[in-house]
């Protein structure tokens, strides 16, 4: 899990102790130290909050690993699923002279005089 910066705020509420325990994930001695510093009346609540927070964090980490693995498998099957294009149309562009000449032909065909 990602290590977060510890706060300098004093631990007063059950959620503060639970968050400190979650932040100390991996360091069992530090977790015990925080838990023993927790007031007795808040310990059960802090324990439940820490357990649910750790479960959520582990579930999220597992989801990320599965998601990355899914992308790896998809890339192995089709390494270039999309070919990026800069053009909307596949039609070749013509030069302005060709377009002006074609317009002049069409105007002459319908009998209009060529404008500027």
Protein backbone atom coordinates (compact mmCIF):
# COMPACT_ATOMS: atom_id res chain seq x y z
CA UNK A 1 0.00 0.00 0.00
CA UNK A 2 0.97 3.56 -0.50
CA UNK A 3 2.69 5.22 2.44
CA UNK A 4 1.07 8.49 3.38
CA UNK A 5 2.59 11.31 5.37
CA UNK A 6 1.72 11.12 9.03
CA UNK A 7 -0.25 13.98 10.43
CA UNK A 8 0.92 16.07 13.36
CA UNK A 9 -2.65 16.48 14.58
CA UNK A 10 -3.32 14.86 17.97
CA UNK A 11 -5.41 11.70 17.92
CA UNK A 12 -8.72 12.43 19.64
CA UNK A 13 -11.46 10.45 17.91
CA UNK A 14 -11.88 6.82 16.98
CA UNK A 15 -11.54 7.67 13.28
CA UNK A 16 -8.20 9.41 13.97
CA UNK A 17 -6.84 6.31 15.70
CA UNK A 18 -8.22 4.06 12.94
CA UNK A 19 -6.59 6.19 10.26
CA UNK A 20 -3.27 6.15 12.12
CA UNK A 21 -3.48 2.35 12.35
CA UNK A 22 -4.21 2.12 8.62
CA UNK A 23 -1.31 4.47 7.84
CA UNK A 24 0.99 2.22 9.88
CA UNK A 25 0.03 -0.81 7.75
CA UNK A 26 2.92 -3.25 7.62
CA UNK A 27 4.48 -2.05 10.88
CA UNK A 28 2.72 -4.25 13.44
CA UNK A 29 4.61 -2.79 16.38
CA UNK A 30 3.58 0.75 15.45
CA UNK A 31 -0.04 -0.38 15.01
CA UNK A 32 -0.02 -1.92 18.51
CA UNK A 33 1.49 1.24 19.91
CA UNK A 34 -1.26 3.39 18.39
CA UNK A 35 -3.95 0.96 19.54
CA UNK A 36 -2.70 0.95 23.14
CA UNK A 37 -2.64 4.77 23.09
CA UNK A 38 -6.32 4.72 22.13
CA UNK A 39 -8.74 5.32 25.04
CA UNK A 40 -10.48 2.13 26.17
CA UNK A 41 -13.97 3.39 25.32
CA UNK A 42 -12.91 4.07 21.70
CA UNK A 43 -10.93 0.87 21.07
CA UNK A 44 -13.73 -1.32 19.73
CA UNK A 45 -14.92 1.40 17.36
CA UNK A 46 -11.36 2.20 16.24
CA UNK A 47 -10.66 -1.52 15.69
CA UNK A 48 -13.77 -1.93 13.49
CA UNK A 49 -12.98 1.23 11.52
CA UNK A 50 -9.39 0.12 10.97
CA UNK A 51 -10.46 -3.37 9.89
CA UNK A 52 -12.99 -2.06 7.39
CA UNK A 53 -10.52 0.55 6.11
CA UNK A 54 -7.80 -2.04 5.60
CA UNK A 55 -10.27 -4.36 3.88
CA UNK A 56 -11.31 -1.58 1.50
CA UNK A 57 -7.69 -0.67 0.77
CA UNK A 58 -6.75 -4.29 0.09
CA UNK A 59 -9.81 -4.77 -2.12
CA UNK A 60 -8.90 -1.65 -4.12
CA UNK A 61 -5.32 -2.85 -4.52
CA UNK A 62 -6.60 -6.22 -5.74
CA UNK A 63 -8.92 -4.52 -8.23
CA UNK A 64 -6.03 -2.45 -9.58
CA UNK A 65 -3.87 -5.55 -10.04
CA UNK A 66 -6.72 -7.33 -11.86
CA UNK A 67 -7.36 -4.28 -14.04
CA UNK A 68 -3.70 -4.02 -15.03
CA UNK A 69 -3.59 -7.73 -15.79
CA UNK A 70 -6.69 -7.41 -17.99
CA UNK A 71 -4.98 -4.62 -19.94
CA UNK A 72 -1.81 -6.71 -20.33
CA UNK A 73 -3.82 -9.63 -21.72
CA UNK A 74 -5.71 -7.34 -24.11
CA UNK A 75 -2.46 -5.77 -25.32
CA UNK A 76 -0.98 -9.22 -25.94
CA UNK A 77 -3.96 -10.20 -28.09
CA UNK A 78 -4.14 -6.95 -30.07
CA UNK A 79 -1.17 -4.61 -29.51
CA UNK A 80 -2.59 -1.81 -31.70
CA UNK A 81 -6.38 -1.87 -31.41
CA UNK A 82 -6.84 1.62 -32.82
CA UNK A 83 -4.94 3.34 -35.59
CA UNK A 84 -4.88 7.04 -34.79
CA UNK A 85 -5.81 9.24 -37.72
CA UNK A 86 -5.70 12.99 -38.06
CA UNK A 87 -8.27 13.12 -40.84
CA UNK A 88 -11.99 12.68 -40.57
CA UNK A 89 -12.43 11.57 -44.17
CA UNK A 90 -10.41 9.14 -46.22
CA UNK A 91 -11.06 11.19 -49.38
CA UNK A 92 -8.03 12.87 -50.90
CA UNK A 93 -8.00 16.64 -50.76
CA UNK A 94 -7.82 18.51 -54.02
CA UNK A 95 -5.95 21.70 -54.69
CA UNK A 96 -7.90 25.01 -54.73
CA UNK A 97 -7.31 25.48 -58.45
CA UNK A 98 -9.07 22.21 -59.25
CA UNK A 99 -12.04 23.18 -57.09
CA UNK A 100 -12.32 26.65 -58.66
CA UNK A 101 -12.13 25.18 -62.17
CA UNK A 102 -14.88 22.66 -61.36
CA UNK A 103 -17.10 25.43 -59.96
CA UNK A 104 -16.53 27.49 -63.10
CA UNK A 105 -17.59 24.49 -65.22
CA UNK A 106 -20.75 24.02 -63.19
CA UNK A 107 -21.65 27.73 -63.34
CA UNK A 108 -21.13 27.72 -67.11
CA UNK A 109 -23.34 24.66 -67.41
CA UNK A 110 -26.27 26.35 -65.70
CA UNK A 111 -25.70 29.65 -67.51
CA UNK A 112 -24.64 31.88 -64.58
CA UNK A 113 -21.94 34.36 -65.05
CA UNK A 114 -18.83 33.71 -63.06
CA UNK A 115 -18.62 35.94 -60.01
CA UNK A 116 -15.33 37.39 -58.90
